[in-house]
N, C-alpha and C. Protein backbone atom coordinates (compact mmCIF):
# COMPACT_ATOMS: atom_id res chain seq x y z
N MET A 1 -58.92 -56.32 -9.78
CA MET A 1 -59.96 -56.17 -10.78
C MET A 1 -59.37 -55.66 -12.09
N LEU A 2 -58.20 -55.03 -12.04
CA LEU A 2 -57.57 -54.50 -13.23
C LEU A 2 -57.00 -55.62 -14.10
N ARG A 3 -56.51 -56.69 -13.49
CA ARG A 3 -55.88 -57.76 -14.24
C ARG A 3 -56.80 -58.39 -15.28
N PRO A 4 -58.07 -58.74 -14.95
CA PRO A 4 -58.95 -59.30 -15.99
C PRO A 4 -59.19 -58.32 -17.13
N LEU A 5 -59.24 -57.02 -16.86
CA LEU A 5 -59.44 -56.05 -17.92
C LEU A 5 -58.23 -55.99 -18.84
N VAL A 6 -57.02 -56.11 -18.28
CA VAL A 6 -55.81 -56.15 -19.08
C VAL A 6 -55.81 -57.41 -19.95
N LEU A 7 -56.18 -58.55 -19.37
CA LEU A 7 -56.26 -59.79 -20.15
C LEU A 7 -57.28 -59.68 -21.28
N LEU A 8 -58.41 -59.04 -21.01
CA LEU A 8 -59.43 -58.83 -22.03
C LEU A 8 -58.87 -57.97 -23.16
N ALA A 9 -58.15 -56.90 -22.84
CA ALA A 9 -57.58 -56.02 -23.85
C ALA A 9 -56.54 -56.76 -24.69
N VAL A 10 -55.70 -57.57 -24.06
CA VAL A 10 -54.68 -58.33 -24.79
C VAL A 10 -55.34 -59.34 -25.71
N ALA A 11 -56.36 -60.05 -25.22
CA ALA A 11 -57.05 -61.03 -26.05
C ALA A 11 -57.77 -60.36 -27.21
N ALA A 12 -58.34 -59.19 -26.97
CA ALA A 12 -59.05 -58.46 -28.03
C ALA A 12 -58.08 -57.98 -29.10
N ALA A 13 -56.85 -57.64 -28.71
CA ALA A 13 -55.86 -57.15 -29.65
C ALA A 13 -55.17 -58.28 -30.42
N ALA A 14 -55.33 -59.51 -29.98
CA ALA A 14 -54.69 -60.66 -30.64
C ALA A 14 -55.32 -60.87 -32.01
N SER A 15 -54.62 -61.60 -32.86
CA SER A 15 -55.15 -61.86 -34.20
C SER A 15 -56.45 -62.66 -34.11
N PRO A 16 -57.35 -62.51 -35.10
CA PRO A 16 -58.63 -63.20 -35.04
C PRO A 16 -58.51 -64.72 -34.92
N SER A 17 -57.44 -65.31 -35.47
CA SER A 17 -57.29 -66.75 -35.36
C SER A 17 -56.89 -67.18 -33.95
N ALA A 18 -56.35 -66.25 -33.17
CA ALA A 18 -55.89 -66.59 -31.82
C ALA A 18 -56.98 -66.38 -30.77
N ALA A 19 -57.86 -65.41 -30.97
CA ALA A 19 -58.86 -65.10 -29.96
C ALA A 19 -60.18 -64.78 -30.63
N GLU A 20 -61.21 -64.99 -29.89
CA GLU A 20 -62.56 -64.66 -30.35
C GLU A 20 -63.13 -63.62 -29.39
N VAL A 21 -63.49 -62.47 -29.91
CA VAL A 21 -64.10 -61.42 -29.13
C VAL A 21 -65.60 -61.50 -29.36
N PHE A 22 -66.39 -61.25 -28.32
CA PHE A 22 -67.84 -61.37 -28.45
C PHE A 22 -68.53 -60.32 -27.59
N VAL A 23 -69.77 -60.04 -27.95
CA VAL A 23 -70.62 -59.13 -27.18
C VAL A 23 -71.93 -59.85 -26.89
N ASP A 24 -72.48 -59.58 -25.72
CA ASP A 24 -73.75 -60.17 -25.29
C ASP A 24 -74.80 -59.08 -25.19
N LEU A 25 -76.03 -59.42 -25.55
CA LEU A 25 -77.17 -58.54 -25.38
C LEU A 25 -78.36 -59.40 -24.99
N GLY A 26 -78.97 -59.08 -23.85
CA GLY A 26 -80.09 -59.87 -23.40
C GLY A 26 -80.83 -59.23 -22.24
N VAL A 27 -81.49 -60.07 -21.47
CA VAL A 27 -82.26 -59.62 -20.31
C VAL A 27 -81.86 -60.45 -19.09
N ASN A 28 -82.09 -59.87 -17.91
CA ASN A 28 -81.82 -60.59 -16.68
C ASN A 28 -82.99 -60.42 -15.73
N ALA A 29 -83.14 -61.38 -14.85
CA ALA A 29 -84.09 -61.28 -13.74
C ALA A 29 -83.32 -61.72 -12.50
N SER A 30 -83.38 -60.91 -11.46
CA SER A 30 -82.58 -61.19 -10.26
C SER A 30 -83.38 -60.96 -8.99
N ARG A 31 -83.02 -61.71 -7.97
CA ARG A 31 -83.58 -61.54 -6.64
C ARG A 31 -82.42 -61.17 -5.71
N ILE A 32 -82.59 -60.09 -4.97
CA ILE A 32 -81.56 -59.62 -4.07
C ILE A 32 -82.09 -59.74 -2.65
N GLU A 33 -81.39 -60.51 -1.82
CA GLU A 33 -81.73 -60.65 -0.40
C GLU A 33 -80.69 -59.88 0.40
N SER A 34 -81.14 -58.85 1.10
CA SER A 34 -80.23 -57.97 1.82
C SER A 34 -80.33 -58.20 3.32
N ASP A 35 -79.19 -58.45 3.93
CA ASP A 35 -79.07 -58.60 5.38
C ASP A 35 -78.52 -57.27 5.91
N ILE A 36 -79.43 -56.41 6.37
CA ILE A 36 -79.08 -55.07 6.82
C ILE A 36 -78.62 -55.13 8.28
N ALA A 37 -77.60 -54.37 8.61
CA ALA A 37 -76.91 -54.45 9.91
C ALA A 37 -77.84 -54.43 11.12
N ASN A 38 -78.79 -53.54 11.18
CA ASN A 38 -79.60 -53.41 12.40
C ASN A 38 -81.02 -53.97 12.26
N ARG A 39 -81.29 -54.75 11.23
CA ARG A 39 -82.61 -55.34 11.04
C ARG A 39 -82.57 -56.83 11.36
N PRO A 40 -83.57 -57.35 12.05
CA PRO A 40 -83.57 -58.77 12.39
C PRO A 40 -83.91 -59.68 11.22
N ASP A 41 -84.59 -59.17 10.20
CA ASP A 41 -84.98 -60.00 9.06
C ASP A 41 -84.31 -59.48 7.78
N THR A 42 -84.28 -60.32 6.74
CA THR A 42 -83.70 -59.90 5.47
C THR A 42 -84.75 -59.17 4.63
N VAL A 43 -84.28 -58.29 3.78
CA VAL A 43 -85.12 -57.54 2.86
C VAL A 43 -84.91 -58.12 1.47
N SER A 44 -85.99 -58.55 0.81
CA SER A 44 -85.89 -59.15 -0.51
C SER A 44 -86.53 -58.26 -1.56
N THR A 45 -85.84 -58.14 -2.70
CA THR A 45 -86.39 -57.41 -3.84
C THR A 45 -86.14 -58.24 -5.10
N SER A 46 -87.02 -58.09 -6.07
CA SER A 46 -86.86 -58.74 -7.38
C SER A 46 -86.77 -57.66 -8.43
N GLU A 47 -85.80 -57.78 -9.30
CA GLU A 47 -85.56 -56.79 -10.34
C GLU A 47 -85.29 -57.49 -11.67
N SER A 48 -85.55 -56.78 -12.76
CA SER A 48 -85.20 -57.29 -14.08
C SER A 48 -84.76 -56.12 -14.94
N GLY A 49 -84.01 -56.42 -15.98
CA GLY A 49 -83.52 -55.36 -16.84
C GLY A 49 -82.63 -55.89 -17.94
N VAL A 50 -81.87 -55.00 -18.52
CA VAL A 50 -81.00 -55.31 -19.65
C VAL A 50 -79.72 -55.97 -19.15
N HIS A 51 -79.21 -56.90 -19.93
CA HIS A 51 -77.92 -57.56 -19.67
C HIS A 51 -77.00 -57.25 -20.86
N LEU A 52 -75.82 -56.71 -20.57
CA LEU A 52 -74.81 -56.43 -21.60
C LEU A 52 -73.50 -57.08 -21.19
N GLY A 53 -72.73 -57.53 -22.15
CA GLY A 53 -71.44 -58.12 -21.84
C GLY A 53 -70.49 -57.98 -23.01
N VAL A 54 -69.20 -58.01 -22.70
CA VAL A 54 -68.15 -58.04 -23.72
C VAL A 54 -67.05 -58.94 -23.18
N GLY A 55 -66.52 -59.78 -24.06
CA GLY A 55 -65.49 -60.70 -23.59
C GLY A 55 -64.59 -61.18 -24.71
N ALA A 56 -63.63 -61.98 -24.33
CA ALA A 56 -62.71 -62.60 -25.27
C ALA A 56 -62.38 -63.99 -24.76
N ARG A 57 -62.20 -64.92 -25.70
CA ARG A 57 -61.87 -66.29 -25.31
C ARG A 57 -60.99 -66.94 -26.36
N ARG A 58 -60.29 -67.97 -25.89
CA ARG A 58 -59.44 -68.77 -26.77
C ARG A 58 -59.84 -70.22 -26.63
N SER A 59 -59.75 -70.92 -27.71
CA SER A 59 -60.11 -72.33 -27.73
C SER A 59 -58.90 -73.18 -27.36
N THR A 60 -59.15 -74.33 -26.75
CA THR A 60 -58.08 -75.28 -26.48
C THR A 60 -57.66 -75.91 -27.80
N GLU A 61 -56.55 -76.63 -27.79
CA GLU A 61 -56.02 -77.22 -29.01
C GLU A 61 -57.02 -78.14 -29.70
N ASN A 62 -57.77 -78.92 -28.94
CA ASN A 62 -58.72 -79.85 -29.55
C ASN A 62 -60.06 -79.18 -29.89
N GLY A 63 -60.23 -77.92 -29.52
CA GLY A 63 -61.43 -77.17 -29.86
C GLY A 63 -62.67 -77.53 -29.06
N ARG A 64 -62.53 -78.38 -28.04
CA ARG A 64 -63.70 -78.80 -27.26
C ARG A 64 -64.02 -77.86 -26.11
N ALA A 65 -63.11 -76.96 -25.77
CA ALA A 65 -63.34 -76.05 -24.65
C ALA A 65 -62.75 -74.68 -24.97
N ASP A 66 -63.32 -73.66 -24.34
CA ASP A 66 -62.84 -72.29 -24.47
C ASP A 66 -62.59 -71.71 -23.08
N PHE A 67 -61.53 -70.92 -22.94
CA PHE A 67 -61.26 -70.18 -21.72
C PHE A 67 -61.21 -68.70 -22.07
N GLY A 68 -61.77 -67.85 -21.20
CA GLY A 68 -61.75 -66.43 -21.49
C GLY A 68 -62.06 -65.59 -20.28
N VAL A 69 -62.30 -64.32 -20.55
CA VAL A 69 -62.70 -63.34 -19.54
C VAL A 69 -63.89 -62.56 -20.10
N ARG A 70 -64.68 -61.98 -19.21
CA ARG A 70 -65.85 -61.22 -19.65
C ARG A 70 -66.18 -60.13 -18.65
N LEU A 71 -66.64 -59.00 -19.16
CA LEU A 71 -67.13 -57.89 -18.35
C LEU A 71 -68.63 -57.79 -18.61
N GLU A 72 -69.43 -57.74 -17.53
CA GLU A 72 -70.89 -57.69 -17.67
C GLU A 72 -71.46 -56.50 -16.92
N ILE A 73 -72.52 -55.95 -17.47
CA ILE A 73 -73.28 -54.89 -16.82
C ILE A 73 -74.75 -55.28 -16.87
N ASP A 74 -75.38 -55.29 -15.69
CA ASP A 74 -76.79 -55.64 -15.60
C ASP A 74 -77.57 -54.54 -14.91
N ASP A 75 -78.70 -54.20 -15.48
CA ASP A 75 -79.61 -53.24 -14.88
C ASP A 75 -80.47 -53.97 -13.86
N LEU A 76 -80.37 -53.57 -12.59
CA LEU A 76 -81.17 -54.17 -11.52
C LEU A 76 -82.08 -53.09 -10.92
N GLY A 77 -82.99 -52.59 -11.71
CA GLY A 77 -83.88 -51.53 -11.23
C GLY A 77 -83.11 -50.24 -11.05
N GLU A 78 -83.06 -49.74 -9.83
CA GLU A 78 -82.32 -48.50 -9.54
C GLU A 78 -80.83 -48.75 -9.38
N ASP A 79 -80.41 -49.98 -9.31
CA ASP A 79 -79.00 -50.32 -9.09
C ASP A 79 -78.41 -50.96 -10.34
N THR A 80 -77.09 -50.97 -10.40
CA THR A 80 -76.37 -51.59 -11.51
C THR A 80 -75.41 -52.62 -10.95
N LEU A 81 -75.36 -53.78 -11.59
CA LEU A 81 -74.41 -54.82 -11.23
C LEU A 81 -73.32 -54.85 -12.29
N LEU A 82 -72.09 -54.61 -11.88
CA LEU A 82 -70.93 -54.68 -12.75
C LEU A 82 -70.15 -55.91 -12.31
N ALA A 83 -69.89 -56.82 -13.24
CA ALA A 83 -69.21 -58.06 -12.87
C ALA A 83 -68.08 -58.37 -13.84
N VAL A 84 -67.02 -58.94 -13.30
CA VAL A 84 -65.89 -59.41 -14.09
C VAL A 84 -65.81 -60.91 -13.92
N ARG A 85 -65.86 -61.60 -15.03
CA ARG A 85 -65.64 -63.05 -15.01
C ARG A 85 -64.15 -63.26 -15.26
N ALA A 86 -63.41 -63.50 -14.19
CA ALA A 86 -61.97 -63.71 -14.33
C ALA A 86 -61.67 -65.05 -14.99
N LEU A 87 -62.54 -66.03 -14.79
CA LEU A 87 -62.45 -67.33 -15.45
C LEU A 87 -63.81 -67.61 -16.07
N ASP A 88 -63.86 -67.58 -17.39
CA ASP A 88 -65.09 -67.82 -18.15
C ASP A 88 -64.83 -69.06 -19.01
N TYR A 89 -65.47 -70.17 -18.65
CA TYR A 89 -65.21 -71.47 -19.28
C TYR A 89 -66.42 -71.93 -20.07
N ARG A 90 -66.17 -72.48 -21.26
CA ARG A 90 -67.24 -73.06 -22.08
C ARG A 90 -66.77 -74.41 -22.60
N ARG A 91 -67.56 -75.44 -22.37
CA ARG A 91 -67.24 -76.81 -22.80
C ARG A 91 -68.25 -77.25 -23.84
N HIS A 92 -67.78 -77.58 -25.03
CA HIS A 92 -68.66 -78.03 -26.12
C HIS A 92 -69.00 -79.50 -25.91
N ARG A 93 -70.28 -79.80 -25.76
CA ARG A 93 -70.73 -81.19 -25.61
C ARG A 93 -70.99 -81.80 -26.98
N THR A 94 -71.54 -81.01 -27.90
CA THR A 94 -71.74 -81.41 -29.29
C THR A 94 -71.34 -80.21 -30.14
N GLU A 95 -71.52 -80.32 -31.44
CA GLU A 95 -71.19 -79.22 -32.33
C GLU A 95 -72.03 -77.98 -32.05
N ARG A 96 -73.26 -78.15 -31.57
CA ARG A 96 -74.17 -77.02 -31.37
C ARG A 96 -74.52 -76.74 -29.92
N PHE A 97 -74.09 -77.57 -28.99
CA PHE A 97 -74.48 -77.42 -27.60
C PHE A 97 -73.25 -77.35 -26.70
N ALA A 98 -73.26 -76.38 -25.77
CA ALA A 98 -72.14 -76.22 -24.82
C ALA A 98 -72.68 -75.85 -23.46
N TRP A 99 -71.92 -76.17 -22.42
CA TRP A 99 -72.26 -75.70 -21.07
C TRP A 99 -71.18 -74.73 -20.63
N THR A 100 -71.55 -73.84 -19.73
CA THR A 100 -70.66 -72.78 -19.31
C THR A 100 -70.53 -72.76 -17.78
N ALA A 101 -69.43 -72.22 -17.32
CA ALA A 101 -69.20 -72.01 -15.89
C ALA A 101 -68.27 -70.80 -15.75
N PHE A 102 -68.43 -70.05 -14.67
CA PHE A 102 -67.58 -68.88 -14.50
C PHE A 102 -67.40 -68.55 -13.02
N LEU A 103 -66.33 -67.79 -12.76
CA LEU A 103 -65.98 -67.34 -11.41
C LEU A 103 -65.35 -65.96 -11.55
N GLY A 104 -65.74 -65.05 -10.65
CA GLY A 104 -65.18 -63.71 -10.72
C GLY A 104 -65.60 -62.86 -9.54
N ALA A 105 -65.74 -61.57 -9.80
CA ALA A 105 -66.10 -60.61 -8.75
C ALA A 105 -67.19 -59.69 -9.27
N ALA A 106 -68.00 -59.17 -8.33
CA ALA A 106 -69.11 -58.29 -8.69
C ALA A 106 -69.08 -57.03 -7.85
N ARG A 107 -69.62 -55.96 -8.43
CA ARG A 107 -69.77 -54.68 -7.75
C ARG A 107 -71.22 -54.25 -7.92
N LEU A 108 -71.93 -54.14 -6.81
CA LEU A 108 -73.31 -53.68 -6.81
C LEU A 108 -73.30 -52.20 -6.49
N ASP A 109 -73.84 -51.40 -7.39
CA ASP A 109 -73.81 -49.94 -7.27
C ASP A 109 -74.94 -49.49 -6.35
N LEU A 110 -74.60 -49.25 -5.09
CA LEU A 110 -75.55 -48.76 -4.08
C LEU A 110 -75.10 -47.36 -3.66
N ALA A 111 -75.56 -46.86 -2.52
CA ALA A 111 -75.13 -45.54 -2.05
C ALA A 111 -73.61 -45.47 -1.97
N THR A 112 -72.99 -46.52 -1.48
CA THR A 112 -71.55 -46.77 -1.63
C THR A 112 -71.47 -48.18 -2.19
N PRO A 113 -70.46 -48.50 -2.97
CA PRO A 113 -70.45 -49.79 -3.66
C PRO A 113 -70.33 -50.99 -2.71
N ALA A 114 -70.91 -52.11 -3.15
CA ALA A 114 -70.80 -53.38 -2.45
C ALA A 114 -70.02 -54.34 -3.35
N TYR A 115 -69.10 -55.09 -2.77
CA TYR A 115 -68.24 -55.99 -3.53
C TYR A 115 -68.36 -57.41 -3.00
N GLY A 116 -68.22 -58.39 -3.92
CA GLY A 116 -68.25 -59.78 -3.49
C GLY A 116 -67.93 -60.74 -4.62
N TYR A 117 -68.00 -62.02 -4.31
CA TYR A 117 -67.74 -63.07 -5.29
C TYR A 117 -68.92 -63.22 -6.23
N TYR A 118 -68.63 -63.68 -7.45
CA TYR A 118 -69.64 -63.83 -8.50
C TYR A 118 -69.34 -65.14 -9.23
N PHE A 119 -70.33 -66.01 -9.37
CA PHE A 119 -70.12 -67.29 -10.02
C PHE A 119 -71.43 -67.79 -10.61
N GLY A 120 -71.33 -68.81 -11.45
CA GLY A 120 -72.54 -69.39 -12.04
C GLY A 120 -72.22 -70.28 -13.21
N GLY A 121 -73.26 -70.62 -13.96
CA GLY A 121 -73.11 -71.49 -15.11
C GLY A 121 -74.41 -71.62 -15.87
N GLY A 122 -74.33 -72.25 -17.03
CA GLY A 122 -75.52 -72.42 -17.84
C GLY A 122 -75.25 -73.23 -19.08
N VAL A 123 -76.07 -72.97 -20.10
CA VAL A 123 -75.96 -73.69 -21.37
C VAL A 123 -75.99 -72.68 -22.52
N GLN A 124 -75.40 -73.10 -23.65
CA GLN A 124 -75.41 -72.28 -24.85
C GLN A 124 -75.74 -73.14 -26.06
N LEU A 125 -76.56 -72.59 -26.93
CA LEU A 125 -76.80 -73.16 -28.25
C LEU A 125 -75.90 -72.40 -29.20
N THR A 126 -74.78 -73.00 -29.60
CA THR A 126 -73.81 -72.32 -30.46
C THR A 126 -74.29 -72.38 -31.90
N GLY A 127 -74.02 -71.33 -32.65
CA GLY A 127 -74.46 -71.28 -34.03
C GLY A 127 -75.97 -71.20 -34.16
N PHE A 128 -76.63 -70.58 -33.18
CA PHE A 128 -78.09 -70.38 -33.22
C PHE A 128 -78.47 -69.71 -34.54
N LEU A 129 -77.70 -68.69 -34.90
CA LEU A 129 -77.70 -68.05 -36.21
C LEU A 129 -76.23 -67.91 -36.57
N PRO A 130 -75.88 -67.67 -37.84
CA PRO A 130 -74.45 -67.50 -38.15
C PRO A 130 -73.82 -66.43 -37.25
N ARG A 131 -72.77 -66.84 -36.54
CA ARG A 131 -71.99 -66.01 -35.60
C ARG A 131 -72.74 -65.63 -34.33
N TRP A 132 -73.94 -66.12 -34.13
CA TRP A 132 -74.75 -65.81 -32.95
C TRP A 132 -74.95 -67.07 -32.11
N ASP A 133 -74.76 -66.95 -30.80
CA ASP A 133 -75.05 -68.03 -29.86
C ASP A 133 -76.20 -67.57 -28.96
N LEU A 134 -76.99 -68.51 -28.48
CA LEU A 134 -78.07 -68.23 -27.54
C LEU A 134 -77.69 -68.86 -26.21
N GLY A 135 -77.69 -68.07 -25.14
CA GLY A 135 -77.28 -68.58 -23.83
C GLY A 135 -78.31 -68.30 -22.75
N ILE A 136 -78.33 -69.19 -21.76
CA ILE A 136 -79.11 -68.99 -20.55
C ILE A 136 -78.22 -69.42 -19.39
N GLU A 137 -78.13 -68.56 -18.38
CA GLU A 137 -77.22 -68.83 -17.26
C GLU A 137 -77.84 -68.44 -15.93
N ALA A 138 -77.51 -69.22 -14.92
CA ALA A 138 -77.82 -68.87 -13.54
C ALA A 138 -76.60 -68.18 -12.97
N ARG A 139 -76.82 -67.08 -12.22
CA ARG A 139 -75.71 -66.29 -11.70
C ARG A 139 -75.93 -66.00 -10.22
N PHE A 140 -74.84 -65.98 -9.48
CA PHE A 140 -74.93 -65.79 -8.03
C PHE A 140 -73.86 -64.80 -7.56
N GLY A 141 -74.26 -63.86 -6.73
CA GLY A 141 -73.35 -62.97 -6.03
C GLY A 141 -73.45 -63.35 -4.56
N ASP A 142 -72.36 -63.78 -3.97
CA ASP A 142 -72.38 -64.32 -2.61
C ASP A 142 -71.85 -63.30 -1.61
N LYS A 143 -72.70 -62.92 -0.65
CA LYS A 143 -72.31 -61.99 0.42
C LYS A 143 -71.60 -60.76 -0.12
N VAL A 144 -72.24 -60.11 -1.10
CA VAL A 144 -71.73 -58.87 -1.66
C VAL A 144 -71.85 -57.83 -0.55
N ALA A 145 -70.72 -57.33 -0.06
CA ALA A 145 -70.69 -56.54 1.18
C ALA A 145 -70.54 -55.04 0.91
N ARG A 146 -71.27 -54.27 1.70
CA ARG A 146 -71.20 -52.81 1.66
C ARG A 146 -71.01 -52.30 3.08
N ASP A 147 -69.97 -51.50 3.29
CA ASP A 147 -69.72 -50.90 4.60
C ASP A 147 -70.70 -49.76 4.86
N ASN A 148 -71.14 -49.63 6.10
CA ASN A 148 -72.00 -48.53 6.52
C ASN A 148 -71.12 -47.33 6.84
N LEU A 149 -70.95 -46.45 5.86
CA LEU A 149 -70.06 -45.29 6.00
C LEU A 149 -70.80 -43.96 6.03
N LEU A 150 -72.01 -43.94 5.50
CA LEU A 150 -72.75 -42.69 5.38
C LEU A 150 -73.56 -42.40 6.63
N PRO A 151 -73.82 -41.14 6.94
CA PRO A 151 -74.64 -40.80 8.12
C PRO A 151 -76.06 -41.36 8.04
N THR A 152 -76.55 -41.61 6.83
CA THR A 152 -77.90 -42.15 6.64
C THR A 152 -77.94 -43.67 6.74
N ASP A 153 -76.79 -44.32 6.86
CA ASP A 153 -76.74 -45.78 6.97
C ASP A 153 -77.24 -46.24 8.34
N PRO A 154 -77.67 -47.52 8.41
CA PRO A 154 -78.11 -48.06 9.71
C PRO A 154 -77.01 -47.96 10.75
N GLN A 155 -77.38 -47.54 11.95
CA GLN A 155 -76.42 -47.41 13.05
C GLN A 155 -76.66 -48.53 14.04
N GLY A 156 -75.60 -49.02 14.64
CA GLY A 156 -75.70 -50.13 15.59
C GLY A 156 -75.58 -51.46 14.87
N GLY A 157 -75.35 -52.49 15.63
CA GLY A 157 -75.15 -53.80 15.00
C GLY A 157 -73.79 -53.86 14.34
N ARG A 158 -73.67 -54.66 13.31
CA ARG A 158 -72.38 -54.80 12.61
C ARG A 158 -72.14 -53.62 11.66
N PRO A 159 -70.90 -53.44 11.23
CA PRO A 159 -70.56 -52.26 10.44
C PRO A 159 -70.85 -52.39 8.94
N ASP A 160 -71.43 -53.51 8.49
CA ASP A 160 -71.69 -53.65 7.06
C ASP A 160 -72.98 -54.41 6.78
N ASN A 161 -73.43 -54.32 5.53
CA ASN A 161 -74.61 -55.01 5.05
C ASN A 161 -74.17 -56.04 4.00
N PHE A 162 -74.91 -57.14 3.92
CA PHE A 162 -74.58 -58.19 2.96
C PHE A 162 -75.77 -58.40 2.02
N HIS A 163 -75.45 -58.59 0.74
CA HIS A 163 -76.47 -58.77 -0.29
C HIS A 163 -76.17 -60.05 -1.05
N ASP A 164 -77.12 -60.98 -1.08
CA ASP A 164 -77.00 -62.19 -1.89
C ASP A 164 -77.83 -61.98 -3.15
N ILE A 165 -77.21 -62.20 -4.29
CA ILE A 165 -77.86 -61.97 -5.57
C ILE A 165 -78.01 -63.31 -6.28
N ARG A 166 -79.24 -63.64 -6.65
CA ARG A 166 -79.53 -64.85 -7.43
C ARG A 166 -80.27 -64.41 -8.67
N GLY A 167 -79.79 -64.83 -9.82
CA GLY A 167 -80.44 -64.37 -11.04
C GLY A 167 -80.27 -65.31 -12.20
N ILE A 168 -80.93 -64.94 -13.26
CA ILE A 168 -80.85 -65.68 -14.51
C ILE A 168 -80.72 -64.66 -15.63
N ALA A 169 -79.96 -65.00 -16.63
CA ALA A 169 -79.80 -64.12 -17.80
C ALA A 169 -80.03 -64.96 -19.05
N VAL A 170 -80.75 -64.39 -19.99
CA VAL A 170 -80.96 -64.98 -21.31
C VAL A 170 -80.42 -63.96 -22.30
N TYR A 171 -79.52 -64.41 -23.17
CA TYR A 171 -78.85 -63.44 -24.04
C TYR A 171 -78.44 -64.05 -25.37
N LEU A 172 -78.27 -63.18 -26.35
CA LEU A 172 -77.66 -63.53 -27.62
C LEU A 172 -76.23 -63.01 -27.59
N SER A 173 -75.32 -63.81 -28.09
CA SER A 173 -73.90 -63.46 -28.08
C SER A 173 -73.39 -63.45 -29.52
N TYR A 174 -72.88 -62.30 -29.96
CA TYR A 174 -72.32 -62.18 -31.31
C TYR A 174 -70.82 -62.36 -31.26
N ARG A 175 -70.29 -63.28 -32.09
CA ARG A 175 -68.87 -63.61 -32.10
C ARG A 175 -68.15 -62.92 -33.24
N PHE A 176 -67.09 -62.17 -32.90
CA PHE A 176 -66.18 -61.60 -33.89
C PHE A 176 -64.99 -62.55 -33.98
N GLY A 177 -64.18 -62.46 -35.01
CA GLY A 177 -62.96 -63.27 -35.05
C GLY A 177 -63.20 -64.64 -35.64
N ARG A 178 -62.49 -65.60 -35.11
CA ARG A 178 -62.49 -66.95 -35.69
C ARG A 178 -63.87 -67.59 -35.62
N ALA A 179 -64.14 -68.50 -36.53
CA ALA A 179 -65.37 -69.30 -36.48
C ALA A 179 -65.14 -70.44 -35.52
N SER A 180 -66.04 -70.61 -34.53
CA SER A 180 -65.79 -71.59 -33.49
C SER A 180 -66.42 -72.94 -33.76
N ASN A 181 -67.25 -73.07 -34.78
CA ASN A 181 -67.77 -74.40 -35.12
C ASN A 181 -68.04 -74.47 -36.61
N SER A 182 -68.28 -75.65 -37.11
CA SER A 182 -68.39 -75.84 -38.56
C SER A 182 -69.59 -75.13 -39.16
N THR A 183 -70.61 -74.79 -38.38
CA THR A 183 -71.76 -74.07 -38.91
C THR A 183 -71.38 -72.66 -39.31
N ASP A 184 -70.26 -72.16 -38.79
CA ASP A 184 -69.82 -70.81 -39.10
C ASP A 184 -68.61 -70.80 -40.05
N ALA A 185 -68.15 -71.94 -40.47
CA ALA A 185 -66.91 -72.01 -41.23
C ALA A 185 -66.99 -71.24 -42.55
N SER A 186 -68.18 -71.10 -43.11
CA SER A 186 -68.31 -70.39 -44.37
C SER A 186 -68.38 -68.88 -44.20
N GLN A 187 -68.41 -68.39 -42.96
CA GLN A 187 -68.55 -66.94 -42.72
C GLN A 187 -67.26 -66.20 -42.97
């Protein structure tokens, strides 16, 4: 988990023409299905809250795609989802429209942390406002696992609980650094 953070720091320290640093601010809505060790059925909860992110990306030579990393924090009611997008990909379909895909890891802040894979994708309207992009993404945390270590945890059955997270985030993304499309070239 340290390696993506180091890559983010290196990309952020690079010259503005080499990397684009950005911050996200938005909202999320998520459904968490929990498979608890000693319960025969799953427990489902729905939560919504603030979505924050910070990342860095570099454009390919032809400017049609971007590769980067991103750190995200989402408020899920009483819990917090911290996610690292180790591979954050954006493909420009037109000057103003792009689709996104990502793969990484997530940490769900419970009594003891739960860890698992994190992936998803969506669409972005680039240049929604000068230096601002508008994005909507579907996000998934697959079998985010938490070991039963505390005396208050369920006893019997398997030694861990699994949480599947399905959500959507809508956010505005502010771009620092290079202008990524012609609508921002005058900035």
